[in-house]
N, C-alpha and C. Protein backbone atom coordinates (compact mmCIF):
# COMPACT_ATOMS: atom_id res chain seq x y z
N MET A 1 91.04 113.69 100.42
CA MET A 1 91.13 113.13 99.53
C MET A 1 92.51 112.33 100.49
N ASP A 2 92.85 111.30 100.01
CA ASP A 2 93.75 110.43 100.68
C ASP A 2 95.22 110.94 99.99
N ALA A 3 96.25 110.98 100.24
CA ALA A 3 97.43 112.20 99.18
C ALA A 3 98.52 110.33 98.70
N LEU A 4 98.25 109.45 99.56
CA LEU A 4 98.93 107.95 99.43
C LEU A 4 98.55 107.21 99.96
N HIS A 5 98.14 106.27 99.90
CA HIS A 5 97.53 104.56 100.71
C HIS A 5 98.02 103.51 100.22
N PRO A 6 98.26 102.49 100.66
CA PRO A 6 98.75 101.01 100.29
C PRO A 6 97.45 100.64 99.54
N ARG A 7 97.48 99.90 98.26
CA ARG A 7 96.81 98.99 97.89
C ARG A 7 97.23 97.34 97.52
N LEU A 8 96.99 96.70 98.39
CA LEU A 8 97.17 95.36 98.22
C LEU A 8 96.60 94.48 96.62
N LEU A 9 97.25 94.09 95.73
CA LEU A 9 97.11 93.18 94.53
C LEU A 9 96.72 91.82 95.54
N VAL A 10 95.70 91.26 95.59
CA VAL A 10 95.40 89.79 95.79
C VAL A 10 95.50 88.94 94.98
N THR A 11 95.24 87.84 94.78
CA THR A 11 95.59 86.53 94.46
C THR A 11 93.75 85.49 94.74
N ASP A 12 93.55 85.71 96.18
CA ASP A 12 92.55 85.06 96.67
C ASP A 12 91.88 86.01 97.67
N PHE A 13 90.52 86.91 96.11
CA PHE A 13 90.42 88.15 97.03
C PHE A 13 89.19 87.51 98.27
N ALA A 14 88.58 86.40 97.88
CA ALA A 14 87.52 86.29 99.37
C ALA A 14 88.25 85.99 100.89
N ALA A 15 89.75 85.00 100.52
CA ALA A 15 90.25 85.33 102.07
C ALA A 15 90.46 86.31 102.61
N ALA A 16 90.92 87.13 101.52
CA ALA A 16 92.18 88.46 102.06
C ALA A 16 90.62 89.12 102.55
N TYR A 17 89.78 89.58 101.94
CA TYR A 17 88.68 90.70 102.66
C TYR A 17 88.37 90.06 103.59
N ALA A 18 87.83 88.50 103.83
CA ALA A 18 87.81 87.70 105.22
C ALA A 18 88.76 88.54 106.50
N PHE A 19 90.14 88.41 105.72
CA PHE A 19 90.86 88.50 107.19
C PHE A 19 91.41 89.98 107.14
N TYR A 20 90.93 90.59 106.32
CA TYR A 20 91.22 92.33 106.65
C TYR A 20 90.08 92.61 107.87
N ALA A 21 88.92 92.29 106.86
CA ALA A 21 87.15 92.98 107.22
C ALA A 21 87.77 92.72 108.91
N ALA A 22 87.98 91.38 109.27
CA ALA A 22 87.89 90.70 110.90
C ALA A 22 89.21 91.58 111.55
N VAL A 23 90.52 92.01 111.28
CA VAL A 23 91.38 92.33 112.15
C VAL A 23 91.57 93.46 111.91
N LEU A 24 91.17 94.24 110.79
CA LEU A 24 91.36 96.13 111.00
C LEU A 24 90.73 96.76 111.88
N PRO A 25 89.50 96.78 111.56
CA PRO A 25 88.17 96.90 113.00
C PRO A 25 89.24 97.27 114.69
N GLU A 26 89.69 96.19 114.67
CA GLU A 26 90.29 95.91 115.96
C GLU A 26 91.90 96.35 116.56
N LEU A 27 92.54 96.29 115.15
CA LEU A 27 94.13 96.42 115.24
C LEU A 27 94.29 98.04 114.57
N ALA A 28 93.34 98.68 114.30
CA ALA A 28 93.63 100.01 113.96
C ALA A 28 92.55 101.04 113.85
N GLY A 29 90.97 100.25 113.87
CA GLY A 29 89.91 101.22 114.51
C GLY A 29 89.65 101.32 112.88
N ALA A 30 89.59 100.73 111.68
CA ALA A 30 89.33 101.02 110.30
C ALA A 30 88.35 100.95 110.63
N GLU A 31 87.47 100.77 109.49
CA GLU A 31 86.29 100.93 109.01
C GLU A 31 85.68 100.48 107.55
N LEU A 32 84.98 99.77 107.38
CA LEU A 32 84.95 99.74 105.70
C LEU A 32 84.58 100.54 104.89
N ALA A 33 84.93 100.80 103.70
CA ALA A 33 84.77 102.37 103.04
C ALA A 33 84.15 102.11 102.12
N ALA A 34 84.24 101.18 101.04
CA ALA A 34 83.90 100.90 100.17
C ALA A 34 84.05 99.65 99.48
N GLY A 35 83.83 98.40 98.87
CA GLY A 35 83.39 97.37 98.35
C GLY A 35 82.79 96.04 99.25
N GLY A 36 83.11 94.78 99.22
CA GLY A 36 82.65 93.96 99.81
C GLY A 36 83.15 92.84 99.89
N PRO A 37 82.53 91.47 100.43
CA PRO A 37 83.91 90.28 99.87
C PRO A 37 83.67 89.77 99.00
N THR A 38 82.86 90.32 98.04
CA THR A 38 83.11 89.45 95.85
C THR A 38 84.13 90.20 95.58
N GLY A 39 84.35 91.53 95.99
CA GLY A 39 85.35 92.30 95.17
C GLY A 39 84.79 92.65 93.97
N PRO A 40 85.87 93.07 93.44
CA PRO A 40 87.01 93.07 93.10
C PRO A 40 88.15 93.67 93.80
N TYR A 41 87.43 95.13 94.69
CA TYR A 41 87.92 96.38 95.02
C TYR A 41 86.98 96.23 96.66
N ALA A 42 88.16 96.74 97.60
CA ALA A 42 87.53 97.26 98.85
C ALA A 42 88.78 97.90 99.54
N SER A 43 87.79 99.16 100.28
CA SER A 43 89.26 99.64 100.97
C SER A 43 88.82 99.84 102.29
N TRP A 44 89.22 100.30 103.39
CA TRP A 44 89.34 100.51 104.76
C TRP A 44 90.01 101.99 105.05
N ASP A 45 89.10 102.87 106.26
CA ASP A 45 89.65 103.90 106.09
C ASP A 45 89.72 104.34 108.00
N VAL A 46 90.64 105.35 107.91
CA VAL A 46 90.20 105.20 110.01
C VAL A 46 90.30 106.38 109.90
N ASN A 47 89.41 107.38 110.59
CA ASN A 47 88.27 108.64 110.35
C ASN A 47 88.54 109.53 109.17
N GLY A 48 88.11 108.87 108.34
CA GLY A 48 87.86 109.30 107.12
C GLY A 48 88.83 109.56 105.99
N GLU A 49 90.23 108.68 106.62
CA GLU A 49 90.86 108.56 105.50
C GLU A 49 91.89 107.04 105.19
N GLY A 50 91.99 107.23 103.58
CA GLY A 50 92.69 105.48 103.88
C GLY A 50 93.24 105.11 104.27
N LEU A 51 92.91 104.23 104.63
CA LEU A 51 94.47 103.68 105.59
C LEU A 51 94.49 101.96 104.59
N LEU A 52 93.63 101.52 103.59
CA LEU A 52 93.99 100.03 103.03
C LEU A 52 92.87 99.99 101.91
N SER A 53 94.25 99.46 101.04
CA SER A 53 92.69 99.54 99.68
C SER A 53 93.22 97.78 99.16
N MET A 54 92.33 96.99 98.16
CA MET A 54 93.02 95.90 98.01
C MET A 54 92.11 95.89 96.35
N PHE A 55 92.83 95.08 95.78
CA PHE A 55 92.50 94.44 94.48
C PHE A 55 92.63 93.58 93.95
N ASP A 56 91.85 92.68 93.26
CA ASP A 56 91.72 91.40 92.79
C ASP A 56 93.01 91.37 91.57
N ALA A 57 93.96 91.20 91.98
CA ALA A 57 96.07 90.70 91.44
C ALA A 57 95.43 90.47 89.68
N LYS A 58 94.20 89.84 89.46
CA LYS A 58 94.27 89.44 88.12
C LYS A 58 93.40 90.50 87.38
N LEU A 59 92.34 90.97 87.87
CA LEU A 59 92.19 92.00 87.36
C LEU A 59 93.20 93.38 86.56
N MET A 60 93.39 93.50 87.91
CA MET A 60 94.88 94.55 87.59
C MET A 60 95.65 94.19 86.18
N ALA A 61 96.34 93.26 86.62
CA ALA A 61 97.30 92.63 85.54
C ALA A 61 96.48 92.60 84.15
N ALA A 62 95.28 92.45 83.93
CA ALA A 62 94.43 92.25 82.59
C ALA A 62 94.86 93.81 82.21
N ALA A 63 94.26 94.80 82.95
CA ALA A 63 94.13 95.99 82.96
C ALA A 63 95.02 97.13 82.66
N VAL A 64 96.55 96.34 82.79
CA VAL A 64 97.47 96.76 82.82
C VAL A 64 98.85 96.04 81.79
N GLY A 65 98.16 94.95 81.00
CA GLY A 65 98.60 94.20 80.18
C GLY A 65 99.87 93.07 80.73
N VAL A 66 100.52 93.44 82.16
CA VAL A 66 100.87 92.56 82.93
C VAL A 66 100.84 91.03 83.26
N ASP A 67 101.41 90.34 83.50
CA ASP A 67 101.41 89.05 84.30
C ASP A 67 101.22 89.44 85.68
N VAL A 68 100.25 88.65 86.31
CA VAL A 68 100.19 88.28 87.69
C VAL A 68 101.47 88.41 88.03
N PRO A 69 101.61 89.12 88.85
CA PRO A 69 103.39 88.78 89.85
C PRO A 69 103.51 87.63 90.83
N ALA A 70 104.95 86.78 90.55
CA ALA A 70 104.80 85.94 91.30
C ALA A 70 106.03 85.92 91.90
N GLY A 71 106.37 85.93 93.40
CA GLY A 71 107.36 85.90 93.99
C GLY A 71 107.78 87.50 94.65
N ALA A 72 106.35 87.87 94.45
CA ALA A 72 106.40 89.23 95.06
C ALA A 72 106.10 89.51 96.71
N GLN A 73 106.05 88.27 97.13
CA GLN A 73 104.86 88.63 98.72
C GLN A 73 106.34 89.36 99.74
N ASN A 74 107.05 89.22 99.36
CA ASN A 74 108.37 90.60 100.09
C ASN A 74 109.03 91.53 99.74
N ALA A 75 108.48 91.83 98.83
CA ALA A 75 108.64 92.91 98.17
C ALA A 75 108.08 94.20 99.01
N VAL A 76 106.77 93.81 99.71
CA VAL A 76 106.08 94.84 100.50
C VAL A 76 105.54 94.74 102.05
N MET A 77 105.37 95.36 102.42
CA MET A 77 105.07 94.51 104.12
C MET A 77 104.55 95.10 104.43
N LEU A 78 103.27 95.41 105.03
CA LEU A 78 102.12 96.03 106.22
C LEU A 78 103.00 95.89 107.26
N VAL A 79 102.50 97.49 107.26
CA VAL A 79 102.85 97.51 109.14
C VAL A 79 101.86 98.27 110.07
N CYS A 80 101.66 97.75 110.86
CA CYS A 80 100.42 98.29 111.62
C CYS A 80 100.52 98.50 113.21
N ARG A 81 100.70 99.48 113.89
CA ARG A 81 100.99 100.23 114.85
C ARG A 81 99.35 99.86 116.08
N VAL A 82 99.63 98.90 117.00
CA VAL A 82 98.85 98.42 118.05
C VAL A 82 99.50 98.26 119.30
N ALA A 83 97.90 98.70 119.88
CA ALA A 83 98.41 98.47 121.66
C ALA A 83 98.66 97.55 122.43
N ASP A 84 98.74 96.63 121.46
CA ASP A 84 98.60 95.04 122.36
C ASP A 84 99.54 93.83 121.07
N VAL A 85 100.71 93.70 121.25
CA VAL A 85 101.09 92.58 120.01
C VAL A 85 100.79 91.71 119.92
N ASP A 86 100.55 91.48 121.37
CA ASP A 86 100.41 89.59 121.64
C ASP A 86 98.85 89.38 121.49
N ALA A 87 98.23 90.77 121.68
CA ALA A 87 96.58 90.53 121.39
C ALA A 87 96.33 90.27 119.88
N GLY A 88 97.28 91.25 119.00
CA GLY A 88 96.85 91.76 117.70
C GLY A 88 97.55 90.59 117.05
N THR A 89 98.66 89.86 117.35
CA THR A 89 98.91 88.40 116.61
C THR A 89 97.69 87.65 117.03
N LYS A 90 97.43 87.34 118.54
CA LYS A 90 95.85 86.10 118.34
C LYS A 90 94.57 86.44 117.62
N ALA A 91 94.50 87.77 117.72
CA ALA A 91 93.26 87.98 116.26
C ALA A 91 93.48 87.69 115.39
N CYS A 92 94.78 87.95 114.85
CA CYS A 92 95.45 87.48 113.28
C CYS A 92 95.21 86.34 112.98
N LEU A 93 95.89 85.05 114.22
CA LEU A 93 95.93 84.19 113.79
C LEU A 93 94.76 83.51 113.58
N GLU A 94 93.62 83.63 114.46
CA GLU A 94 92.02 83.39 114.61
C GLU A 94 91.51 84.17 112.83
N HIS A 95 91.67 84.37 112.66
CA HIS A 95 91.27 84.87 111.11
C HIS A 95 92.01 84.76 110.01
N GLY A 96 92.90 83.76 110.17
CA GLY A 96 93.69 82.79 108.75
C GLY A 96 95.39 83.42 108.88
N ALA A 97 95.77 84.40 109.88
CA ALA A 97 97.43 84.54 109.30
C ALA A 97 97.96 83.32 109.83
N THR A 98 99.27 83.14 109.16
CA THR A 98 100.25 82.10 110.28
C THR A 98 101.46 82.93 110.21
N VAL A 99 102.27 82.63 111.43
CA VAL A 99 103.23 83.28 112.08
C VAL A 99 104.45 83.11 111.58
N VAL A 100 105.29 84.74 111.19
CA VAL A 100 106.65 84.14 110.54
C VAL A 100 107.65 84.44 111.76
N ALA A 101 107.25 85.37 112.62
CA ALA A 101 108.47 85.62 113.54
C ALA A 101 107.48 86.01 114.86
N PRO A 102 107.70 84.72 116.12
CA PRO A 102 106.23 85.43 116.95
C PRO A 102 107.12 86.81 118.00
N PRO A 103 105.55 87.03 118.49
CA PRO A 103 106.01 89.06 119.28
C PRO A 103 107.34 88.32 120.07
N ALA A 104 107.78 89.76 119.89
CA ALA A 104 109.40 90.19 120.59
C ALA A 104 109.61 91.06 120.66
N ASP A 105 110.64 91.22 121.98
CA ASP A 105 110.82 92.21 122.47
C ASP A 105 112.14 92.87 121.34
N ARG A 106 111.94 94.24 120.90
CA ARG A 106 113.25 94.30 119.68
C ARG A 106 114.32 95.89 120.38
N PRO A 107 114.92 95.92 121.12
CA PRO A 107 115.21 97.14 122.00
C PRO A 107 116.44 97.48 120.33
N GLN A 108 117.48 96.52 119.84
CA GLN A 108 117.60 96.98 118.73
C GLN A 108 117.13 98.20 118.00
N TRP A 109 116.60 97.89 117.70
CA TRP A 109 115.00 98.68 117.02
C TRP A 109 114.87 99.68 116.90
N GLY A 110 114.29 100.02 118.41
CA GLY A 110 113.99 101.21 119.24
C GLY A 110 113.73 100.87 120.57
N PRO A 111 113.47 102.15 121.09
CA PRO A 111 113.12 101.89 122.42
C PRO A 111 111.96 101.37 122.96
N ASN A 112 111.67 100.38 123.56
CA ASN A 112 110.08 99.97 124.29
C ASN A 112 109.81 99.19 123.02
N LEU A 113 110.36 99.36 121.55
CA LEU A 113 109.84 98.38 120.34
C LEU A 113 109.57 96.49 120.46
N ARG A 114 108.31 96.44 120.00
CA ARG A 114 107.59 94.93 120.43
C ARG A 114 107.21 94.79 118.90
N THR A 115 107.61 93.84 118.26
CA THR A 115 106.64 93.42 117.31
C THR A 115 106.38 91.91 116.63
N ALA A 116 105.97 91.37 116.21
CA ALA A 116 105.75 90.42 115.34
C ALA A 116 105.04 90.16 113.98
N HIS A 117 105.81 89.24 113.62
CA HIS A 117 106.04 89.17 112.04
C HIS A 117 104.83 87.85 111.77
N LEU A 118 103.85 88.19 110.51
CA LEU A 118 102.90 87.34 110.49
C LEU A 118 102.68 87.50 108.53
N ARG A 119 102.42 86.33 107.91
CA ARG A 119 101.83 86.07 106.94
C ARG A 119 100.17 86.09 106.39
N THR A 120 99.67 87.07 105.72
CA THR A 120 97.92 87.10 105.97
C THR A 120 97.95 85.87 105.20
N PRO A 121 96.51 85.59 105.02
CA PRO A 121 96.18 84.85 104.19
C PRO A 121 95.90 84.30 102.48
N ASP A 122 96.40 85.62 101.92
CA ASP A 122 96.90 85.92 100.90
C ASP A 122 98.29 85.90 100.42
N GLY A 123 99.06 85.88 102.18
CA GLY A 123 100.53 85.65 101.51
C GLY A 123 101.70 87.07 102.10
N ALA A 124 101.16 88.11 101.76
CA ALA A 124 101.27 89.22 101.90
C ALA A 124 101.47 89.41 103.95
N LEU A 125 103.09 89.34 103.68
CA LEU A 125 104.37 89.97 104.69
C LEU A 125 103.39 91.13 105.55
N MET A 126 103.27 91.07 106.95
CA MET A 126 102.51 92.14 108.62
C MET A 126 103.70 92.28 109.26
N GLU A 127 103.36 93.16 109.76
CA GLU A 127 104.41 93.31 111.11
C GLU A 127 103.10 94.48 111.69
N LEU A 128 103.45 93.82 112.81
CA LEU A 128 102.34 94.23 114.09
C LEU A 128 103.81 95.10 115.16
N GLN A 129 103.28 96.22 115.34
CA GLN A 129 104.63 96.44 116.89
C GLN A 129 103.41 97.62 117.54
N SER A 130 104.57 98.19 118.52
CA SER A 130 103.64 98.39 119.76
C SER A 130 105.44 99.00 119.78
N TYR A 131 105.17 100.48 120.57
CA TYR A 131 106.39 100.97 121.27
C TYR A 131 106.09 102.28 122.35
């Protein structure tokens, strides 16, 4: 059982699913554990432990009686440690991400740290990092 894992509430399930299904195996060695491209839920594990799940934002909003959050795309950032930030960035771009900040060394943040910041197709902020 996973003690804690991130769940994205996505507004375009098909686009978000296509992106994560394409990049999570390469970036983190993740495997699809549940769900599929038609939603409304999907999750990926690494070695049997939850890495990421996602759920249709409109269905969640209806279930808990709130509006779909607007402008919350910067409230949470997914961080993924990768072996090669430049290769990871390329893989994400090939699957619909856009660059917010290109790959760069960030010694002021930590020894040997390199990062790139991207927007996923659904607008989530994602950091790729290596150190």
